[in-house]
Amino acid sequence: MTIGIEPYRQEFISAVKCFNARLDGGGAPAEFRFPQHHLPEWLPRRNGEPLYQEYFLALENGAVRGGYILKYQEFFVRGELKNVAYYHLPLSEGIVNKAYASVGAHMLRHALKAQPLLFALGMGGFDRPLPRMLKAMGWSMCAVPFYFQVNRPTRFLREVHALRNTAWRRCVLDLAALTGTGWLGLTVLQVLHRQHPKAGTQVATVDEFTGWADDLVENCRKRYVMLARRDQKNLNLLYPRRSKFLRLRVSRAGKVLGWAVLLDTQMKDHRYFGNLRVGTIVDTLALPEDALPVISAASQFLQQRGTDMVVSNQSHETWCAALKSAGFLRGPSNFIFAASQALSGCLRPFATNCTKIHFNRGDGDGPINL
């Protein structure tokens, strides 16, 4: 078996469709399908911009046996600007045909050769095939903590599929919802550590990011061990004006403290959230000491819109503390950050510094499931 890796070109579209059909026929999960167009709809390459996506295919005599996506982006690593890439949606025919079990490792080696400073994000938990392979290849990994806030406890208890996965649990949660003990318990837990930020915070919705975002990221670049270049140009590419994203600017006494990008999504038979209306704090930025007013403003904004619950994944210890102080509870996380050997070398000691990087869902492929 001779496998070559090439950029996805138009001439390979039909071969990708055949590849996806074989995955479908082999019973691969529905989300395991490679894009059936060679040009990315989100973040296409344009005019030399450093933020873009590129598709690659693993080919055997013209047949597609795998594919992966690189999202290129500039990051501040210990204050210095570096080109980094996000490795995502690596698909191999090996998941349905053991003859191609080595394709995944072959694609990863190719990606590392193109960009040694590589990371993966999400992946569904440490026990999934990709994290296991990354660990075997010497990558460093940590979970990005998950926090949630329940605005409507009774509805939450009746709808949250992640907790209602056995008949016994469904019975207990229904009883808690019926008797009011669930409402009381969740309310007490959420107010137990709640702190109110300093008064005088102003919150405004904005259609786009402007120069104030550039000033903020410049002030923040040395305050985080690793931070994506969240300037106005990149933010407006990631969260364009005519999109489902909500953008908040948080200020005090005329000074911008930070911003948050949010989603308000009505779920339909979601595997974790059922039919809940879920608010998501997708992305944020502020100086660490200003994390609490930004989180509080974002959660209150989503609560006022009528969401049943609010969720967020944040890696930095101060942002995690801010979520807790804003009344969020910590839940199990399957959102994993993995750094290549070259990247983790820049973050040494990784075990300590993984809580000092600023990562959330905005650093991956977008909140595609939210």
Protein backbone atom coordinates (compact mmCIF):
# COMPACT_ATOMS: atom_id res chain seq x y z
CA MET A 1 0.00 0.00 0.00
CA THR A 2 1.52 3.29 -1.16
CA ILE A 3 -0.15 6.37 0.30
CA GLY A 4 0.58 9.89 -0.89
CA ILE A 5 -0.69 13.11 0.73
CA GLU A 6 -1.82 15.92 -1.56
CA PRO A 7 -3.84 19.12 -1.18
CA TYR A 8 -7.54 18.63 -1.95
CA ARG A 9 -8.16 19.77 -5.53
CA GLN A 10 -11.37 19.89 -7.53
CA GLU A 11 -10.43 16.79 -9.48
CA PHE A 12 -10.68 14.72 -6.27
CA ILE A 13 -14.28 15.62 -5.38
CA SER A 14 -15.77 12.44 -6.84
CA ALA A 15 -13.13 10.32 -5.07
CA VAL A 16 -13.99 12.02 -1.76
CA LYS A 17 -17.67 11.20 -2.33
CA CYS A 18 -16.72 7.55 -2.85
CA PHE A 19 -14.60 7.66 0.32
CA ASN A 20 -17.54 9.04 2.32
CA ALA A 21 -19.81 6.37 0.83
CA ARG A 22 -17.44 3.65 2.02
CA LEU A 23 -17.41 5.17 5.53
CA ASP A 24 -21.20 5.26 5.46
CA GLY A 25 -21.42 1.68 4.25
CA GLY A 26 -19.02 0.57 6.95
CA GLY A 27 -21.19 2.08 9.68
CA ALA A 28 -18.93 5.01 10.64
CA PRO A 29 -20.67 7.71 12.73
CA ALA A 30 -22.48 10.31 10.64
CA GLU A 31 -20.12 13.12 11.71
CA PHE A 32 -17.18 11.21 10.21
CA ARG A 33 -17.49 12.52 6.65
CA PHE A 34 -14.96 14.64 4.80
CA PRO A 35 -16.06 17.87 3.08
CA GLN A 36 -17.29 17.21 -0.46
CA HIS A 37 -15.91 20.44 -1.85
CA HIS A 38 -12.25 21.30 -2.19
CA LEU A 39 -12.60 24.94 -1.06
CA PRO A 40 -13.44 25.59 2.61
CA GLU A 41 -16.64 27.53 3.22
CA TRP A 42 -15.22 28.74 6.54
CA LEU A 43 -11.83 30.50 6.52
CA PRO A 44 -10.74 29.89 2.91
CA ARG A 45 -7.22 30.96 1.97
CA ARG A 46 -7.22 34.57 0.74
CA ASN A 47 -4.69 37.29 -0.07
CA GLY A 48 -1.91 35.97 2.12
CA GLU A 49 -3.97 36.15 5.34
CA PRO A 50 -2.36 34.02 8.09
CA LEU A 51 -5.75 32.72 9.28
CA TYR A 52 -7.14 30.10 6.90
CA GLN A 53 -7.97 26.43 6.43
CA GLU A 54 -6.48 23.91 4.02
CA TYR A 55 -7.69 20.40 3.17
CA PHE A 56 -5.40 17.42 2.54
CA LEU A 57 -6.14 13.96 1.17
CA ALA A 58 -4.44 10.60 1.60
CA LEU A 59 -4.46 8.95 -1.85
CA GLU A 60 -3.81 5.44 -3.09
CA ASN A 61 -3.77 5.17 -6.88
CA GLY A 62 -6.35 7.94 -7.15
CA ALA A 63 -8.62 6.55 -4.41
CA VAL A 64 -9.08 8.64 -1.26
CA ARG A 65 -8.19 6.66 1.86
CA GLY A 66 -8.20 9.55 4.34
CA GLY A 67 -8.14 13.27 4.81
CA TYR A 68 -7.45 15.98 7.36
CA ILE A 69 -7.79 19.75 7.79
CA LEU A 70 -5.25 22.28 8.99
CA LYS A 71 -6.40 25.61 10.36
CA TYR A 72 -3.44 28.00 10.30
CA GLN A 73 -3.41 30.85 12.81
CA GLU A 74 -0.98 33.14 14.58
CA PHE A 75 -0.59 32.66 18.33
CA PHE A 76 1.30 34.54 20.99
CA VAL A 77 3.43 31.95 22.79
CA ARG A 78 5.06 33.49 25.85
CA GLY A 79 4.40 36.86 24.22
CA GLU A 80 6.10 36.05 20.91
CA LEU A 81 4.11 35.66 17.70
CA LYS A 82 4.33 32.19 16.15
CA ASN A 83 2.57 30.40 13.31
CA VAL A 84 0.62 27.46 14.70
CA ALA A 85 -1.83 25.03 13.10
CA TYR A 86 -4.87 23.20 14.40
CA TYR A 87 -5.13 19.57 13.23
CA HIS A 88 -8.73 18.51 12.90
CA LEU A 89 -11.18 16.11 11.27
CA PRO A 90 -8.55 13.45 10.52
CA LEU A 91 -10.50 10.66 8.85
CA SER A 92 -9.08 7.34 7.77
CA GLU A 93 -10.65 4.42 5.96
CA GLY A 94 -9.04 2.42 8.72
CA ILE A 95 -12.12 3.00 10.87
CA VAL A 96 -14.08 0.65 8.58
CA ASN A 97 -11.27 -1.36 6.93
CA LYS A 98 -8.30 -2.53 9.00
CA ALA A 99 -6.16 -2.70 5.87
CA TYR A 100 -5.87 1.09 6.13
CA ALA A 101 -5.24 1.29 9.87
CA SER A 102 -1.88 3.01 9.30
CA VAL A 103 -3.32 5.90 7.28
CA GLY A 104 -4.07 7.98 10.40
CA ALA A 105 -0.45 7.94 11.59
CA HIS A 106 0.77 8.63 8.05
CA MET A 107 -1.43 11.75 7.81
CA LEU A 108 -0.30 13.00 11.22
CA ARG A 109 3.38 12.67 10.29
CA HIS A 110 2.69 14.60 7.10
CA ALA A 111 0.95 17.39 9.04
CA LEU A 112 3.81 17.62 11.54
CA LYS A 113 6.30 17.94 8.72
CA ALA A 114 4.30 20.84 7.29
CA GLN A 115 3.86 22.51 10.69
CA PRO A 116 5.66 21.15 13.78
CA LEU A 117 3.77 23.59 16.05
CA LEU A 118 0.55 21.63 15.88
CA PHE A 119 -2.36 21.13 18.26
CA ALA A 120 -5.63 19.23 18.39
CA LEU A 121 -8.73 20.25 20.31
CA GLY A 122 -12.01 18.63 21.32
CA MET A 123 -11.78 14.98 20.22
CA GLY A 124 -14.48 13.62 22.56
CA GLY A 125 -12.31 12.43 25.44
CA PHE A 126 -8.98 10.78 26.26
CA ASP A 127 -10.26 7.31 25.39
CA ARG A 128 -11.01 8.10 21.74
CA PRO A 129 -8.69 6.79 18.95
CA LEU A 130 -7.11 10.15 18.04
CA PRO A 131 -6.04 11.13 21.58
CA ARG A 132 -4.67 7.62 22.12
CA MET A 133 -2.59 7.90 18.96
CA LEU A 134 -1.37 11.38 19.90
CA LYS A 135 -0.32 10.16 23.34
CA ALA A 136 1.58 7.25 21.77
CA MET A 137 3.42 9.75 19.55
CA GLY A 138 4.55 11.81 22.53
CA TRP A 139 2.01 14.62 22.50
CA SER A 140 1.07 16.38 25.76
CA MET A 141 -2.62 16.57 26.66
CA CYS A 142 -5.00 18.09 29.17
CA ALA A 143 -8.76 18.55 29.46
CA VAL A 144 -10.21 22.02 28.93
CA PRO A 145 -12.63 22.36 31.87
CA PHE A 146 -16.38 22.45 31.20
CA TYR A 147 -18.70 24.67 33.22
CA PHE A 148 -22.46 25.05 33.13
CA GLN A 149 -25.08 27.29 34.72
CA VAL A 150 -28.71 26.21 35.00
CA ASN A 151 -31.26 28.98 34.52
CA ARG A 152 -34.38 26.80 34.50
CA PRO A 153 -33.72 23.84 36.82
CA THR A 154 -36.99 21.97 36.27
CA ARG A 155 -36.70 22.04 32.50
CA PHE A 156 -32.99 21.15 32.77
CA LEU A 157 -33.72 18.07 34.87
CA ARG A 158 -36.36 16.84 32.42
CA GLU A 159 -34.32 17.43 29.25
CA VAL A 160 -30.59 16.99 29.87
CA HIS A 161 -29.82 13.78 27.98
CA ALA A 162 -26.27 13.59 29.30
CA LEU A 163 -27.62 12.78 32.79
CA ARG A 164 -30.75 10.87 31.75
CA ASN A 165 -28.89 7.91 30.25
CA THR A 166 -30.40 5.16 32.44
CA ALA A 167 -33.95 4.39 33.57
CA TRP A 168 -32.90 4.85 37.21
CA ARG A 169 -31.41 8.28 36.56
CA ARG A 170 -34.45 9.38 34.60
CA CYS A 171 -36.66 8.37 37.49
CA VAL A 172 -34.53 10.26 40.04
CA LEU A 173 -34.34 13.41 37.92
CA ASP A 174 -38.07 13.38 37.19
CA LEU A 175 -38.75 13.04 40.91
CA ALA A 176 -36.37 15.91 41.69
CA ALA A 177 -38.12 18.06 39.10
CA LEU A 178 -41.59 17.14 40.38
CA THR A 179 -40.87 17.73 44.07
CA GLY A 180 -38.79 20.88 43.65
CA THR A 181 -35.76 19.38 45.39
CA GLY A 182 -33.80 19.60 42.13
CA TRP A 183 -34.61 23.29 41.77
CA LEU A 184 -33.56 23.94 45.36
CA GLY A 185 -30.35 21.92 45.14
CA LEU A 186 -29.16 23.50 41.89
CA THR A 187 -30.04 27.00 43.09
CA VAL A 188 -28.12 26.57 46.35
CA LEU A 189 -25.08 25.10 44.58
CA GLN A 190 -24.95 27.96 42.09
CA VAL A 191 -25.23 30.77 44.65
CA LEU A 192 -22.87 29.17 47.15
CA HIS A 193 -19.69 30.71 45.69
CA ARG A 194 -21.23 33.52 43.65
CA GLN A 195 -19.47 36.87 43.71
CA HIS A 196 -20.66 40.08 42.17
CA PRO A 197 -18.19 42.05 40.05
CA LYS A 198 -17.42 45.68 40.81
CA ALA A 199 -20.33 48.00 39.98
CA GLY A 200 -20.35 50.29 36.96
CA THR A 201 -19.92 47.72 34.19
CA GLN A 202 -21.43 48.63 30.82
CA VAL A 203 -22.36 45.96 28.30
CA ALA A 204 -22.99 46.64 24.61
CA THR A 205 -23.74 44.36 21.68
CA VAL A 206 -21.56 45.09 18.65
CA ASP A 207 -21.86 44.09 15.00
CA GLU A 208 -18.11 43.77 14.51
CA PHE A 209 -14.77 44.18 16.22
CA THR A 210 -12.82 47.41 15.67
CA GLY A 211 -9.62 49.01 16.95
CA TRP A 212 -10.45 48.48 20.61
CA ALA A 213 -10.00 44.73 20.07
CA ASP A 214 -6.46 45.34 18.77
CA ASP A 215 -5.60 47.36 21.88
CA LEU A 216 -6.97 44.65 24.14
CA VAL A 217 -5.07 41.74 22.60
CA GLU A 218 -1.87 43.78 22.67
CA ASN A 219 -2.36 44.35 26.42
CA CYS A 220 -3.10 40.65 26.94
CA ARG A 221 -0.38 39.04 24.82
CA LYS A 222 2.14 38.69 27.66
CA ARG A 223 -0.42 37.79 30.33
CA TYR A 224 -1.12 34.33 28.91
CA VAL A 225 1.39 31.58 28.16
CA MET A 226 -0.42 30.92 24.87
CA LEU A 227 -3.07 33.10 23.24
CA ALA A 228 -4.48 33.23 19.70
CA ARG A 229 -3.99 36.55 17.94
CA ARG A 230 -7.51 37.84 18.62
CA ASP A 231 -7.25 41.16 16.78
CA GLN A 232 -10.09 42.81 14.89
CA LYS A 233 -9.15 41.31 11.52
CA ASN A 234 -9.05 37.74 12.79
CA LEU A 235 -12.12 38.11 14.98
CA ASN A 236 -14.20 39.45 12.10
CA LEU A 237 -13.14 36.45 10.02
CA LEU A 238 -13.99 34.00 12.78
CA TYR A 239 -17.25 35.69 13.81
CA PRO A 240 -18.47 37.61 10.75
CA ARG A 241 -21.08 40.32 10.91
CA ARG A 242 -23.92 38.36 9.30
CA SER A 243 -23.74 35.20 11.36
CA LYS A 244 -25.45 33.56 14.31
CA PHE A 245 -22.84 34.81 16.78
CA LEU A 246 -23.62 37.45 19.41
CA ARG A 247 -20.79 39.84 20.30
CA LEU A 248 -20.55 41.73 23.60
CA ARG A 249 -18.16 44.50 24.57
CA VAL A 250 -17.75 44.97 28.31
CA SER A 251 -16.50 48.33 29.64
CA ARG A 252 -16.13 50.31 32.84
CA ALA A 253 -15.61 54.07 33.07
CA GLY A 254 -15.05 54.26 29.32
CA LYS A 255 -12.34 51.59 29.33
CA VAL A 256 -12.87 48.30 27.47
CA LEU A 257 -12.41 45.44 29.92
CA GLY A 258 -13.03 42.64 27.44
CA TRP A 259 -15.42 40.96 25.06
CA ALA A 260 -17.37 37.75 24.66
CA VAL A 261 -18.76 35.88 21.66
CA LEU A 262 -21.95 33.97 22.42
CA LEU A 263 -24.49 31.59 20.92
CA ASP A 264 -28.15 31.11 21.79
CA THR A 265 -29.27 27.77 20.36
CA GLN A 266 -32.52 25.86 20.58
CA MET A 267 -31.45 22.24 20.66
CA LYS A 268 -33.44 19.44 19.03
CA ASP A 269 -32.84 15.94 20.40
CA HIS A 270 -29.21 16.80 21.10
CA ARG A 271 -27.29 13.84 22.49
CA TYR A 272 -26.26 15.85 25.58
CA PHE A 273 -28.78 18.69 25.88
CA GLY A 274 -31.99 17.18 24.51
CA ASN A 275 -34.40 20.00 23.62
CA LEU A 276 -32.92 22.63 25.92
CA ARG A 277 -32.26 26.17 24.81
CA VAL A 278 -28.53 26.45 25.39
CA GLY A 279 -26.47 29.61 25.67
CA THR A 280 -22.77 29.18 24.96
CA ILE A 281 -19.89 31.46 25.94
CA VAL A 282 -17.90 30.57 22.84
CA ASP A 283 -14.92 32.90 23.05
CA THR A 284 -13.65 35.61 25.39
CA LEU A 285 -10.76 37.91 26.04
CA ALA A 286 -9.78 40.23 28.87
CA LEU A 287 -6.89 40.68 31.22
CA PRO A 288 -7.06 37.80 33.72
CA GLU A 289 -8.14 40.14 36.53
CA ASP A 290 -11.10 41.29 34.41
CA ALA A 291 -12.40 37.81 33.62
CA LEU A 292 -15.22 37.92 36.20
CA PRO A 293 -17.04 41.01 34.87
CA VAL A 294 -16.86 39.60 31.33
CA ILE A 295 -18.19 36.18 32.35
CA SER A 296 -20.89 37.74 34.53
CA ALA A 297 -22.00 40.06 31.73
CA ALA A 298 -22.11 37.19 29.23
CA SER A 299 -24.05 34.82 31.49
CA GLN A 300 -26.57 37.52 32.50
CA PHE A 301 -27.07 38.49 28.86
CA LEU A 302 -27.84 34.90 27.89
CA GLN A 303 -30.07 34.39 30.91
CA GLN A 304 -32.09 37.50 30.00
CA ARG A 305 -32.58 36.08 26.49
CA GLY A 306 -34.41 33.12 28.01
CA THR A 307 -31.87 30.30 27.77
CA ASP A 308 -32.40 27.20 29.90
CA MET A 309 -28.70 26.86 30.64
CA VAL A 310 -25.33 28.42 29.76
CA VAL A 311 -22.14 26.44 29.04
CA SER A 312 -18.48 27.25 28.46
CA ASN A 313 -15.10 25.54 28.13
CA GLN A 314 -12.18 27.61 29.42
CA SER A 315 -8.60 26.48 29.99
CA HIS A 316 -7.09 29.37 31.99
CA GLU A 317 -7.28 29.01 35.75
CA THR A 318 -8.47 32.59 36.26
CA TRP A 319 -11.29 32.18 33.75
CA CYS A 320 -12.29 28.93 35.45
CA ALA A 321 -12.35 30.76 38.79
CA ALA A 322 -14.46 33.51 37.21
CA LEU A 323 -17.00 30.96 35.97
CA LYS A 324 -17.23 29.48 39.45
CA SER A 325 -17.63 32.94 41.00
CA ALA A 326 -20.40 33.73 38.49
CA GLY A 327 -22.40 30.73 39.72
CA PHE A 328 -21.30 28.07 37.23
CA LEU A 329 -20.85 24.43 38.17
CA ARG A 330 -18.04 22.27 36.83
CA GLY A 331 -18.97 19.15 34.88
CA PRO A 332 -16.99 16.37 33.19
CA SER A 333 -15.11 17.53 30.10
CA ASN A 334 -14.49 15.62 26.89
CA PHE A 335 -12.89 18.71 25.32
CA ILE A 336 -9.19 17.87 25.11
CA PHE A 337 -6.23 20.10 24.22
CA ALA A 338 -3.26 18.21 22.77
CA ALA A 339 0.07 19.79 21.85
CA SER A 340 2.72 18.30 19.56
CA GLN A 341 6.17 17.70 20.98
CA ALA A 342 7.44 20.91 19.38
CA LEU A 343 4.56 22.99 20.72
CA SER A 344 4.58 21.44 24.18
CA GLY A 345 8.30 22.20 24.27
CA CYS A 346 7.38 25.89 23.98
CA LEU A 347 4.96 25.48 26.89
CA ARG A 348 7.25 23.72 29.38
CA PRO A 349 6.48 22.75 32.05
CA PHE A 350 3.29 21.65 30.31
CA ALA A 351 1.52 20.29 33.41
CA THR A 352 1.80 23.72 35.04
CA ASN A 353 1.33 25.94 32.03
CA CYS A 354 -1.68 24.16 30.55
CA THR A 355 -3.75 26.09 33.12
CA LYS A 356 -2.17 29.37 32.03
CA ILE A 357 -3.00 29.19 28.33
CA HIS A 358 -6.17 30.82 27.01
CA PHE A 359 -8.13 28.22 25.04
CA ASN A 360 -11.84 27.77 24.52
CA ARG A 361 -14.17 26.59 21.75
CA GLY A 362 -13.24 29.56 19.62
CA ASP A 363 -9.77 28.10 19.11
CA GLY A 364 -10.95 24.99 17.30
CA ASP A 365 -13.27 24.39 14.39
CA GLY A 366 -15.94 26.63 15.87
CA PRO A 367 -18.80 25.45 18.09
CA ILE A 368 -20.17 23.23 15.33
CA ASN A 369 -22.31 21.19 17.72
CA LEU A 370 -23.61 24.23 19.62
